[in-house]
């Protein structure tokens, strides 16, 4: 991801507007986006999708 224009944000969301593509973060920052990924959980389970362990990359490994 180092050579891409993607940005990673981690934090609490207090409000979102899907029509306007806006997200308000708990630190007061307002983000607008083209693509939005909301990921929750504590671990990446690569065993539930066939061959994911072979082909997928997790944020922890990037």
N, C-alpha and C. Protein backbone atom coordinates (compact mmCIF):
# COMPACT_ATOMS: atom_id res chain seq x y z
N UNK A 1 0.81 -1.20 0.00
CA UNK A 1 0.00 0.00 0.00
C UNK A 1 0.85 1.26 0.00
N UNK A 2 2.14 1.10 0.22
CA UNK A 2 3.00 2.28 0.29
C UNK A 2 3.01 3.08 -1.01
N UNK A 3 2.82 2.42 -2.14
CA UNK A 3 2.83 3.11 -3.43
C UNK A 3 1.45 3.51 -3.91
N UNK A 4 0.43 3.33 -3.08
CA UNK A 4 -0.93 3.67 -3.49
C UNK A 4 -1.37 4.98 -2.84
N UNK A 5 -2.55 5.45 -3.24
CA UNK A 5 -3.11 6.65 -2.64
C UNK A 5 -4.04 6.31 -1.48
N UNK A 6 -4.13 5.03 -1.12
CA UNK A 6 -5.00 4.61 -0.02
C UNK A 6 -4.47 5.15 1.30
N UNK A 7 -5.39 5.51 2.18
CA UNK A 7 -5.03 5.99 3.52
C UNK A 7 -5.72 5.10 4.53
N UNK A 8 -5.03 4.81 5.60
CA UNK A 8 -5.56 3.97 6.67
C UNK A 8 -5.89 4.85 7.86
N UNK A 9 -7.12 4.72 8.37
CA UNK A 9 -7.56 5.43 9.58
C UNK A 9 -8.06 4.39 10.56
N UNK A 10 -7.73 4.58 11.80
CA UNK A 10 -8.24 3.71 12.86
C UNK A 10 -8.83 4.59 13.94
N UNK A 11 -10.09 4.35 14.28
CA UNK A 11 -10.72 5.16 15.30
C UNK A 11 -12.20 4.91 15.36
N UNK A 12 -12.84 5.55 16.30
CA UNK A 12 -14.27 5.39 16.47
C UNK A 12 -15.06 6.30 15.54
N UNK A 13 -16.12 5.75 14.99
CA UNK A 13 -17.00 6.52 14.12
C UNK A 13 -18.20 6.97 14.94
N UNK A 14 -18.49 8.27 14.89
CA UNK A 14 -19.66 8.76 15.64
C UNK A 14 -20.86 9.00 14.73
N UNK A 15 -20.61 9.15 13.42
CA UNK A 15 -21.70 9.39 12.49
C UNK A 15 -21.22 9.08 11.08
N UNK A 16 -22.14 8.67 10.22
CA UNK A 16 -21.79 8.46 8.81
C UNK A 16 -22.96 8.86 7.93
N UNK A 17 -22.65 9.33 6.74
CA UNK A 17 -23.65 9.67 5.75
C UNK A 17 -23.27 8.95 4.47
N UNK A 18 -23.94 7.83 4.19
CA UNK A 18 -23.59 7.01 3.04
C UNK A 18 -23.90 7.70 1.72
N UNK A 19 -24.97 8.50 1.67
CA UNK A 19 -25.31 9.21 0.44
C UNK A 19 -24.27 10.25 0.06
N UNK A 20 -23.77 10.96 1.06
CA UNK A 20 -22.75 12.00 0.81
C UNK A 20 -21.34 11.46 0.92
N UNK A 21 -21.21 10.19 1.32
CA UNK A 21 -19.90 9.53 1.50
C UNK A 21 -19.02 10.28 2.49
N UNK A 22 -19.58 10.53 3.67
CA UNK A 22 -18.87 11.22 4.74
C UNK A 22 -18.89 10.37 6.00
N UNK A 23 -17.80 10.44 6.75
CA UNK A 23 -17.69 9.75 8.04
C UNK A 23 -17.14 10.73 9.05
N UNK A 24 -17.79 10.85 10.20
CA UNK A 24 -17.31 11.69 11.29
C UNK A 24 -16.62 10.79 12.31
N UNK A 25 -15.36 11.09 12.60
CA UNK A 25 -14.61 10.31 13.58
C UNK A 25 -14.70 10.97 14.96
N UNK A 26 -14.46 10.18 16.00
CA UNK A 26 -14.57 10.68 17.36
C UNK A 26 -13.54 11.76 17.68
N UNK A 27 -12.46 11.84 16.90
CA UNK A 27 -11.46 12.88 17.14
C UNK A 27 -11.82 14.20 16.46
N UNK A 28 -13.04 14.28 15.84
CA UNK A 28 -13.51 15.49 15.20
C UNK A 28 -13.22 15.56 13.72
N UNK A 29 -12.42 14.66 13.22
CA UNK A 29 -12.09 14.65 11.80
C UNK A 29 -13.28 14.18 10.97
N UNK A 30 -13.49 14.80 9.81
CA UNK A 30 -14.53 14.41 8.88
C UNK A 30 -13.86 13.91 7.61
N UNK A 31 -14.18 12.69 7.23
CA UNK A 31 -13.56 12.08 6.06
C UNK A 31 -14.58 11.95 4.95
N UNK A 32 -14.16 12.26 3.72
CA UNK A 32 -14.97 11.90 2.57
C UNK A 32 -14.21 10.79 1.85
N UNK A 33 -14.93 9.93 1.16
CA UNK A 33 -14.30 8.73 0.62
C UNK A 33 -14.89 8.32 -0.71
N UNK A 34 -14.11 7.56 -1.46
CA UNK A 34 -14.58 6.90 -2.68
C UNK A 34 -15.00 5.48 -2.33
N UNK A 35 -14.16 4.79 -1.59
CA UNK A 35 -14.43 3.43 -1.11
C UNK A 35 -14.23 3.41 0.39
N UNK A 36 -15.10 2.75 1.09
CA UNK A 36 -15.05 2.72 2.55
C UNK A 36 -15.08 1.28 3.01
N UNK A 37 -14.11 0.91 3.84
CA UNK A 37 -14.05 -0.44 4.41
C UNK A 37 -14.19 -0.31 5.92
N UNK A 38 -15.21 -0.91 6.47
CA UNK A 38 -15.40 -0.94 7.91
C UNK A 38 -15.08 -2.35 8.36
N UNK A 39 -14.01 -2.49 9.12
CA UNK A 39 -13.57 -3.81 9.55
C UNK A 39 -13.57 -3.86 11.07
N UNK A 40 -14.20 -4.85 11.62
CA UNK A 40 -14.24 -5.04 13.06
C UNK A 40 -13.73 -6.44 13.39
N UNK A 41 -13.29 -6.61 14.59
CA UNK A 41 -12.82 -7.92 15.01
C UNK A 41 -11.40 -7.84 15.52
N UNK A 42 -10.94 -8.96 16.01
CA UNK A 42 -9.60 -8.97 16.58
C UNK A 42 -8.62 -9.84 15.83
N UNK A 43 -9.10 -10.65 14.92
CA UNK A 43 -8.19 -11.53 14.20
C UNK A 43 -8.65 -11.77 12.78
N UNK A 44 -7.71 -12.14 11.95
CA UNK A 44 -8.02 -12.44 10.56
C UNK A 44 -8.07 -13.94 10.39
N UNK A 45 -9.25 -14.44 10.04
CA UNK A 45 -9.43 -15.87 9.85
C UNK A 45 -9.32 -16.19 8.36
N UNK A 46 -8.18 -16.67 7.98
CA UNK A 46 -7.96 -17.01 6.58
C UNK A 46 -8.40 -18.43 6.25
N UNK A 47 -8.84 -19.16 7.25
CA UNK A 47 -9.22 -20.56 7.02
C UNK A 47 -10.67 -20.72 6.57
N UNK A 48 -11.47 -19.67 6.57
CA UNK A 48 -12.88 -19.81 6.22
C UNK A 48 -13.15 -19.64 4.73
N UNK A 49 -12.20 -19.10 3.99
CA UNK A 49 -12.34 -18.95 2.55
C UNK A 49 -11.26 -19.82 1.89
N UNK A 50 -11.67 -20.71 1.01
CA UNK A 50 -10.68 -21.58 0.37
C UNK A 50 -9.56 -20.78 -0.30
N UNK A 51 -8.35 -21.16 -0.01
CA UNK A 51 -7.11 -20.60 -0.57
C UNK A 51 -6.82 -19.15 -0.16
N UNK A 52 -7.58 -18.61 0.77
CA UNK A 52 -7.33 -17.24 1.23
C UNK A 52 -5.96 -17.14 1.88
N UNK A 53 -5.57 -18.14 2.63
CA UNK A 53 -4.26 -18.11 3.29
C UNK A 53 -3.13 -18.03 2.26
N UNK A 54 -3.39 -18.57 1.10
CA UNK A 54 -2.37 -18.58 0.04
C UNK A 54 -2.31 -17.25 -0.71
N UNK A 55 -3.46 -16.59 -0.88
CA UNK A 55 -3.53 -15.40 -1.74
C UNK A 55 -3.84 -14.08 -1.05
N UNK A 56 -4.45 -14.11 0.12
CA UNK A 56 -4.87 -12.87 0.78
C UNK A 56 -3.72 -12.23 1.54
N UNK A 57 -3.81 -10.92 1.70
CA UNK A 57 -2.85 -10.18 2.52
C UNK A 57 -3.65 -9.42 3.56
N UNK A 58 -3.22 -9.48 4.78
CA UNK A 58 -3.92 -8.78 5.87
C UNK A 58 -3.20 -7.47 6.16
N UNK A 59 -3.89 -6.58 6.88
CA UNK A 59 -3.24 -5.31 7.24
C UNK A 59 -2.03 -5.54 8.12
N UNK A 60 -2.06 -6.60 8.90
CA UNK A 60 -0.92 -6.89 9.77
C UNK A 60 0.33 -7.28 8.99
N UNK A 61 0.15 -7.76 7.75
CA UNK A 61 1.30 -8.20 6.97
C UNK A 61 1.74 -7.20 5.92
N UNK A 62 0.99 -6.12 5.71
CA UNK A 62 1.36 -5.14 4.68
C UNK A 62 2.50 -4.25 5.14
